[in-house]
Amino acid sequence: MAPKKRPETRKTSEVALHPRSKRSRSPGELEHEAKKLCVKGPGSSRRSDSGCPREGLASLQVPPHCRSIIRALHHHKLGRTTWPSLQQDLQQSFLNSLASYRIFQKAAPFDRRATSMAWHPTNPSTLAVGSKGGDILLWNFGIKDKPTFIKGIGAGGSITGLKFNPLNTDQFFISSMEGTTRLQDFKGNILQVYTSYGTCNFWFCSLDVSAERRVVVTGDNVGHVVLLNMDGKELWNLRMHKKKVTHVALNPCSDWCLVTASVDQTVKIWDLRQVKGKSGFLYSLPHRHPVNSAHFSPDGVRLLTTDQKSEIRVYSASQWDRPPNLIPHPHRHFQHLTPIKLNEFNPMGDTLASVMGYRILIWSQPERM
């Protein structure tokens, strides 16, 4: 069966950021803007970025003995510092490194805010970003070629989850408010539909993929989580939460371990090998507010959660149910604000991408620009 063709795919470079007036723009104006594509690189003005959080980081006074991670580790090995002191030194060294990051690329390619983001697993300068209108941008900011832009359906097409196919990185999985979880390529072809509701009343809010286990997991807006193999066969479909599942993630080092987050104010940890029903979770981590996301650390031993108000929590794998470390952070969520989950380092760990409403920002250290 021939692959289904998406509405429109075109090559484009990013859209320069323009002031937004209160007047709604017509489709013709949006199309005109989409053609006026330009890249803002290292030589662009930094004045508009003066309000970014990096200024606060830059003002941190880091003690000299904390400036080198290698030095801190060496002192600990020699017995000159205790473990708690080493942890503090490493944290300060990281903050000192982060304070040196500067914006060196920016883009505003969409007429609606960005909603999802994924780094290419093997190309550290390639990023895919999805929008509330269903548009998708594939952007290799390390070369001068124009990025690939796939036009979405507009209203109702919001991309809620985006992951490269680990078995073929010319393809990607997406979940969307169209009511589908699907596999498609960057030519605009839908290669396979994994889940579909066929109605605007139900949709999928998140997804994750495991190459080793060869499974796709996705969550919907009424609390269901669906597990499928990469051939599209449904393994189970269970209601794991009372309300919308905002985030699903597989542990990068133990991919039998699944975490789900929900607006029902809980985060739950599951063992995929023995899921039998909604009460079959390993741990349930209650929160005071609806939860937007739950992310495992790269080594799988930490879990970071963000709510819809002002709290970031960090849990430890040694004892998931122990009281977490709480980090106050004002990120109260509302309808027109992108949830605090679109900030991520590339696989090399030397470049940071962040999404703020309509804007995509690429951060790096000056010596790497």
Protein backbone atom coordinates (compact mmCIF):
# COMPACT_ATOMS: atom_id res chain seq x y z
CA MET A 1 0.00 0.00 0.00
CA ALA A 2 1.47 3.36 -1.00
CA PRO A 3 2.36 5.72 1.89
CA LYS A 4 -0.20 8.43 2.59
CA LYS A 5 0.98 11.90 1.62
CA ARG A 6 0.85 14.74 4.14
CA PRO A 7 -0.59 18.10 3.02
CA GLU A 8 2.64 19.88 2.18
CA THR A 9 6.39 19.57 2.58
CA ARG A 10 8.85 22.22 1.61
CA LYS A 11 12.44 23.25 2.16
CA THR A 12 12.83 26.40 4.16
CA SER A 13 15.13 28.17 6.52
CA GLU A 14 13.95 29.61 9.75
CA VAL A 15 11.64 32.58 10.10
CA ALA A 16 13.10 35.68 11.70
CA LEU A 17 11.35 36.78 14.85
CA HIS A 18 8.94 39.63 14.24
CA PRO A 19 6.99 41.72 16.77
CA ARG A 20 3.44 40.43 17.02
CA SER A 21 0.63 42.93 16.87
CA LYS A 22 -2.77 42.39 18.40
CA ARG A 23 -4.29 42.14 14.91
CA SER A 24 -4.77 38.56 13.69
CA ARG A 25 -2.72 37.77 10.62
CA SER A 26 -4.41 36.40 7.54
CA PRO A 27 -3.31 33.08 5.94
CA GLY A 28 -1.82 35.07 3.09
CA GLU A 29 0.31 37.09 5.50
CA LEU A 30 1.49 33.94 7.27
CA GLU A 31 2.43 32.33 3.97
CA HIS A 32 4.30 35.49 2.98
CA GLU A 33 6.17 35.45 6.28
CA ALA A 34 7.06 31.80 5.88
CA LYS A 35 8.84 32.68 2.64
CA LYS A 36 10.89 35.48 4.21
CA LEU A 37 13.21 33.02 5.89
CA CYS A 38 16.51 34.03 7.36
CA VAL A 39 18.97 32.67 9.88
CA LYS A 40 20.12 34.66 12.85
CA GLY A 41 23.56 33.46 13.84
CA PRO A 42 26.43 34.54 16.06
CA GLY A 43 26.59 37.99 14.52
CA SER A 44 23.02 38.94 15.34
CA SER A 45 22.14 41.44 18.04
CA ARG A 46 22.08 40.15 21.60
CA ARG A 47 20.12 43.09 23.01
CA SER A 48 16.81 41.26 22.74
CA ASP A 49 18.23 38.41 24.82
CA SER A 50 19.24 40.51 27.80
CA GLY A 51 16.34 39.23 29.86
CA CYS A 52 17.31 35.56 29.53
CA PRO A 53 18.03 33.45 32.60
CA ARG A 54 21.71 33.14 31.73
CA GLU A 55 22.34 36.62 33.16
CA GLY A 56 21.39 35.39 36.60
CA LEU A 57 23.73 32.44 36.19
CA ALA A 58 26.53 34.69 35.01
CA SER A 59 26.29 36.66 38.25
CA LEU A 60 27.01 33.59 40.39
CA GLN A 61 30.24 33.89 42.36
CA VAL A 62 31.77 30.44 42.05
CA PRO A 63 34.67 29.69 44.45
CA PRO A 64 38.00 28.97 42.70
CA HIS A 65 38.13 25.41 44.04
CA CYS A 66 34.80 24.66 42.32
CA ARG A 67 35.78 25.78 38.85
CA SER A 68 37.11 22.45 37.68
CA ILE A 69 35.13 19.23 37.82
CA ILE A 70 38.35 17.25 37.37
CA ARG A 71 39.97 19.11 40.28
CA ALA A 72 36.97 18.42 42.51
CA LEU A 73 37.06 14.71 41.68
CA HIS A 74 40.81 14.60 42.25
CA HIS A 75 40.50 16.22 45.67
CA HIS A 76 37.81 13.73 46.65
CA LYS A 77 40.00 10.81 45.52
CA LEU A 78 42.83 12.14 47.68
CA GLY A 79 40.49 12.36 50.67
CA ARG A 80 40.59 16.15 50.82
CA THR A 81 36.81 16.54 50.41
CA THR A 82 33.80 14.63 51.70
CA TRP A 83 31.06 13.24 49.43
CA PRO A 84 28.54 16.03 50.27
CA SER A 85 31.25 18.60 49.57
CA LEU A 86 32.07 16.91 46.26
CA GLN A 87 28.39 17.00 45.25
CA GLN A 88 28.25 20.72 46.00
CA ASP A 89 31.46 21.35 44.06
CA LEU A 90 30.16 19.46 41.04
CA GLN A 91 26.89 21.38 41.10
CA GLN A 92 28.72 24.70 41.28
CA SER A 93 31.06 23.64 38.46
CA PHE A 94 28.07 22.81 36.29
CA LEU A 95 26.46 26.18 37.04
CA ASN A 96 29.71 27.93 36.21
CA SER A 97 29.83 26.09 32.88
CA LEU A 98 26.17 26.85 32.15
CA ALA A 99 26.72 30.54 32.85
CA SER A 100 29.11 30.71 29.89
CA TYR A 101 26.47 29.60 27.38
CA ARG A 102 25.27 32.17 24.84
CA ILE A 103 22.56 32.15 22.18
CA PHE A 104 24.19 31.58 18.80
CA GLN A 105 21.18 30.49 16.70
CA LYS A 106 17.50 31.34 16.90
CA ALA A 107 14.40 30.65 14.87
CA ALA A 108 10.69 31.45 14.83
CA PRO A 109 9.39 29.29 11.96
CA PHE A 110 5.81 28.70 13.10
CA ASP A 111 2.63 30.79 13.22
CA ARG A 112 1.68 28.95 16.43
CA ARG A 113 3.84 28.13 19.44
CA ALA A 114 6.21 25.17 19.46
CA THR A 115 4.96 22.17 21.45
CA SER A 116 7.53 19.36 21.08
CA MET A 117 11.21 18.86 20.39
CA ALA A 118 13.72 16.04 19.79
CA TRP A 119 17.45 15.94 19.09
CA HIS A 120 18.69 13.65 16.35
CA PRO A 121 20.24 10.62 18.11
CA THR A 122 23.48 10.61 16.07
CA ASN A 123 23.82 14.12 14.60
CA PRO A 124 24.46 16.59 17.46
CA SER A 125 23.56 19.65 15.36
CA THR A 126 20.19 18.40 14.10
CA LEU A 127 16.93 19.15 15.86
CA ALA A 128 13.28 18.39 15.10
CA VAL A 129 10.57 20.70 16.48
CA GLY A 130 6.77 20.39 16.23
CA SER A 131 4.15 23.12 16.59
CA LYS A 132 0.61 23.60 17.82
CA GLY A 133 -0.53 23.78 14.20
CA GLY A 134 1.05 20.43 13.29
CA ASP A 135 4.05 21.93 11.47
CA ILE A 136 7.39 20.14 11.85
CA LEU A 137 10.85 21.65 11.34
CA LEU A 138 13.99 19.54 10.79
CA TRP A 139 16.89 21.91 11.38
CA ASN A 140 20.60 21.16 11.02
CA PHE A 141 22.01 24.44 12.30
CA GLY A 142 25.58 23.26 11.64
CA ILE A 143 25.24 23.72 7.87
CA LYS A 144 23.92 26.46 5.61
CA ASP A 145 21.34 24.28 3.83
CA LYS A 146 17.75 25.36 4.34
CA PRO A 147 15.88 23.35 7.00
CA THR A 148 13.08 20.98 6.05
CA PHE A 149 9.61 22.29 6.85
CA ILE A 150 6.55 20.01 6.86
CA LYS A 151 3.27 21.93 6.83
CA GLY A 152 0.64 20.77 9.34
CA ILE A 153 -3.15 20.91 9.22
CA GLY A 154 -3.41 24.03 11.40
CA ALA A 155 -5.91 24.18 14.26
CA GLY A 156 -6.35 20.82 15.95
CA GLY A 157 -3.08 19.38 14.63
CA SER A 158 -0.84 20.09 17.65
CA ILE A 159 2.24 17.83 17.82
CA THR A 160 2.27 16.55 21.43
CA GLY A 161 5.15 14.09 21.18
CA LEU A 162 8.10 13.71 18.81
CA LYS A 163 10.79 11.00 18.70
CA PHE A 164 13.23 9.91 16.01
CA ASN A 165 12.90 6.28 14.98
CA PRO A 166 15.97 4.66 16.58
CA LEU A 167 15.98 1.98 13.86
CA ASN A 168 15.85 4.50 10.98
CA THR A 169 16.68 8.11 11.80
CA ASP A 170 15.18 9.35 8.52
CA GLN A 171 11.82 8.66 10.16
CA PHE A 172 10.11 9.86 13.33
CA PHE A 173 7.20 8.96 15.56
CA ILE A 174 4.68 11.63 16.54
CA SER A 175 1.59 11.82 18.72
CA SER A 176 -0.90 14.57 18.02
CA MET A 177 -4.24 16.16 18.76
CA GLU A 178 -5.44 14.78 15.44
CA GLY A 179 -6.07 11.65 17.52
CA THR A 180 -3.20 9.58 16.13
CA THR A 181 0.19 8.17 16.97
CA ARG A 182 2.05 7.60 13.72
CA LEU A 183 5.36 7.03 11.96
CA GLN A 184 6.32 9.34 9.12
CA ASP A 185 9.33 10.55 7.18
CA PHE A 186 10.66 14.01 6.45
CA LYS A 187 9.23 13.98 2.96
CA GLY A 188 5.78 14.26 4.49
CA ASN A 189 4.72 10.62 4.03
CA ILE A 190 2.77 8.80 6.76
CA LEU A 191 4.37 5.35 6.84
CA GLN A 192 2.19 3.74 9.50
CA VAL A 193 -0.59 4.73 11.89
CA TYR A 194 -0.16 3.04 15.28
CA THR A 195 -3.18 4.42 17.12
CA SER A 196 -6.16 6.39 15.88
CA TYR A 197 -9.35 7.62 17.54
CA GLY A 198 -10.99 9.14 14.47
CA THR A 199 -12.62 11.86 16.58
CA CYS A 200 -11.64 15.26 17.93
CA ASN A 201 -12.82 14.35 21.44
CA PHE A 202 -9.88 12.06 22.19
CA TRP A 203 -6.22 12.54 21.36
CA PHE A 204 -2.71 11.45 22.30
CA CYS A 205 -0.56 13.64 24.51
CA SER A 206 2.89 12.03 24.63
CA LEU A 207 5.01 9.13 23.43
CA ASP A 208 8.34 7.34 23.84
CA VAL A 209 10.20 4.63 21.94
CA SER A 210 12.62 1.86 22.92
CA ALA A 211 15.03 0.45 20.31
CA GLU A 212 16.17 -2.48 22.43
CA ARG A 213 12.68 -3.55 23.46
CA ARG A 214 11.25 -2.41 20.09
CA VAL A 215 8.14 -0.86 21.56
CA VAL A 216 6.22 2.40 21.27
CA VAL A 217 4.30 3.77 24.26
CA THR A 218 1.76 6.59 24.12
CA GLY A 219 -0.72 8.23 26.51
CA ASP A 220 -4.04 9.94 25.83
CA ASN A 221 -6.20 12.74 27.24
CA VAL A 222 -8.46 10.50 29.34
CA GLY A 223 -5.81 8.52 31.24
CA HIS A 224 -5.11 5.57 28.93
CA VAL A 225 -1.61 4.32 28.12
CA VAL A 226 -1.08 2.12 25.06
CA LEU A 227 1.92 -0.15 24.47
CA LEU A 228 2.64 -1.42 20.94
CA ASN A 229 5.49 -3.20 19.25
CA MET A 230 7.19 -1.50 16.30
CA ASP A 231 5.17 -3.60 13.87
CA GLY A 232 2.07 -1.82 15.18
CA LYS A 233 0.62 -4.70 17.21
CA GLU A 234 -1.12 -3.49 20.38
CA LEU A 235 0.29 -5.26 23.45
CA TRP A 236 -2.03 -3.61 25.96
CA ASN A 237 -4.26 -0.58 26.41
CA LEU A 238 -4.97 0.30 30.04
CA ARG A 239 -6.40 3.26 31.93
CA MET A 240 -3.49 4.07 34.24
CA HIS A 241 -4.60 7.53 35.40
CA LYS A 242 -7.88 9.22 36.24
CA LYS A 243 -7.18 12.16 33.92
CA LYS A 244 -4.98 13.19 30.99
CA VAL A 245 -1.57 11.53 30.70
CA THR A 246 0.76 14.46 30.01
CA HIS A 247 4.00 12.52 29.72
CA VAL A 248 5.35 8.99 29.26
CA ALA A 249 9.04 8.04 29.36
CA LEU A 250 11.05 4.82 29.34
CA ASN A 251 14.14 4.55 31.52
CA PRO A 252 17.18 4.88 29.19
CA CYS A 253 19.14 2.19 31.05
CA SER A 254 16.30 -0.12 32.13
CA ASP A 255 13.69 0.16 29.39
CA TRP A 256 11.29 -2.18 31.21
CA CYS A 257 10.79 0.77 33.59
CA LEU A 258 8.08 3.23 32.50
CA VAL A 259 7.10 6.51 34.13
CA THR A 260 3.78 8.26 33.48
CA ALA A 261 2.72 11.76 34.58
CA SER A 262 -0.80 13.14 34.71
CA VAL A 263 -2.96 16.12 35.54
CA ASP A 264 -4.49 13.90 38.23
CA GLN A 265 -1.50 15.11 40.34
CA THR A 266 0.38 11.80 40.30
CA VAL A 267 3.49 10.34 38.73
CA LYS A 268 3.58 6.54 38.52
CA ILE A 269 6.42 4.09 37.91
CA TRP A 270 5.65 0.78 36.19
CA ASP A 271 7.39 -2.46 35.25
CA LEU A 272 6.39 -3.23 31.65
CA ARG A 273 7.05 -6.92 32.23
CA GLN A 274 4.26 -7.22 34.78
CA VAL A 275 1.66 -4.55 34.05
CA LYS A 276 -1.77 -6.07 34.65
CA GLY A 277 -4.01 -3.12 35.45
CA LYS A 278 -4.24 0.41 36.82
CA SER A 279 -3.21 -0.75 40.30
CA GLY A 280 -0.13 -2.61 39.04
CA PHE A 281 2.31 0.30 39.43
CA LEU A 282 5.54 -0.04 41.41
CA TYR A 283 5.33 3.44 42.93
CA SER A 284 2.85 6.30 42.93
CA LEU A 285 4.36 9.72 43.63
CA PRO A 286 1.67 12.23 44.65
CA HIS A 287 2.10 15.92 43.77
CA ARG A 288 0.30 19.04 44.94
CA HIS A 289 -0.55 20.21 41.44
CA PRO A 290 -1.13 18.69 37.98
CA VAL A 291 2.13 17.33 36.54
CA ASN A 292 3.44 18.30 33.09
CA SER A 293 6.43 16.01 32.69
CA ALA A 294 8.65 13.33 34.21
CA HIS A 295 12.15 12.78 32.84
CA PHE A 296 14.76 10.16 33.76
CA SER A 297 18.39 11.23 33.93
CA PRO A 298 20.68 9.75 31.21
CA ASP A 299 21.97 7.14 33.68
CA GLY A 300 18.42 6.30 34.76
CA VAL A 301 19.01 6.82 38.49
CA ARG A 302 17.21 10.15 38.89
CA LEU A 303 13.71 11.29 37.97
CA LEU A 304 12.84 14.96 37.49
CA THR A 305 9.20 16.09 37.49
CA THR A 306 7.66 19.49 36.75
CA ASP A 307 4.19 20.59 37.77
CA GLN A 308 1.89 23.31 36.45
CA LYS A 309 2.72 25.83 39.11
CA SER A 310 6.06 26.38 40.82
CA GLU A 311 7.75 23.12 41.76
CA ILE A 312 10.47 20.90 40.29
CA ARG A 313 11.09 17.60 42.07
CA VAL A 314 14.07 15.23 41.86
CA TYR A 315 13.63 11.61 42.96
CA SER A 316 16.30 8.96 43.43
CA ALA A 317 16.14 5.40 42.07
CA SER A 318 17.54 3.97 45.30
CA GLN A 319 14.22 4.77 47.00
CA TRP A 320 11.62 6.28 44.67
CA ASP A 321 9.11 6.75 47.48
CA ARG A 322 11.42 8.82 49.71
CA PRO A 323 10.72 12.56 49.98
CA PRO A 324 12.23 14.22 46.90
CA ASN A 325 14.50 17.20 46.57
CA LEU A 326 12.24 20.21 45.93
CA ILE A 327 13.35 23.09 43.72
CA PRO A 328 11.13 26.21 43.73
CA HIS A 329 10.75 27.57 40.21
CA PRO A 330 8.04 29.98 38.99
CA HIS A 331 6.65 28.31 35.87
CA ARG A 332 2.93 28.48 36.48
CA HIS A 333 1.26 26.93 33.45
CA PHE A 334 -1.72 28.31 31.57
CA GLN A 335 -3.30 27.80 28.16
CA HIS A 336 -0.95 29.95 26.11
CA LEU A 337 2.34 29.06 27.83
CA THR A 338 4.50 26.17 26.65
CA PRO A 339 4.96 23.74 29.59
CA ILE A 340 8.45 23.64 31.08
CA LYS A 341 9.65 20.52 29.27
CA LEU A 342 11.13 21.81 26.02
CA ASN A 343 14.70 22.33 27.20
CA GLU A 344 17.27 19.68 26.38
CA PHE A 345 20.99 19.16 25.75
CA ASN A 346 22.04 17.40 22.56
CA PRO A 347 23.52 13.86 22.75
CA MET A 348 27.06 15.30 23.02
CA GLY A 349 26.02 17.45 25.97
CA ASP A 350 27.66 20.60 24.59
CA THR A 351 24.66 22.38 23.03
CA LEU A 352 21.33 23.29 24.61
CA ALA A 353 18.04 23.82 22.79
CA SER A 354 15.19 25.65 24.47
CA VAL A 355 11.76 26.60 23.24
CA MET A 356 10.00 29.75 24.44
CA GLY A 357 6.59 30.18 22.86
CA TYR A 358 7.22 30.78 19.14
CA ARG A 359 11.02 30.89 19.44
CA ILE A 360 13.61 28.13 19.21
CA LEU A 361 16.90 29.06 20.87
CA ILE A 362 20.22 27.22 20.45
CA TRP A 363 22.78 27.86 23.19
CA SER A 364 26.47 27.04 23.20
CA GLN A 365 29.75 28.16 24.75
CA PRO A 366 31.58 30.91 22.84
CA GLU A 367 34.58 28.73 22.00
CA ARG A 368 32.27 26.24 20.24
CA MET A 369 30.46 28.82 18.10
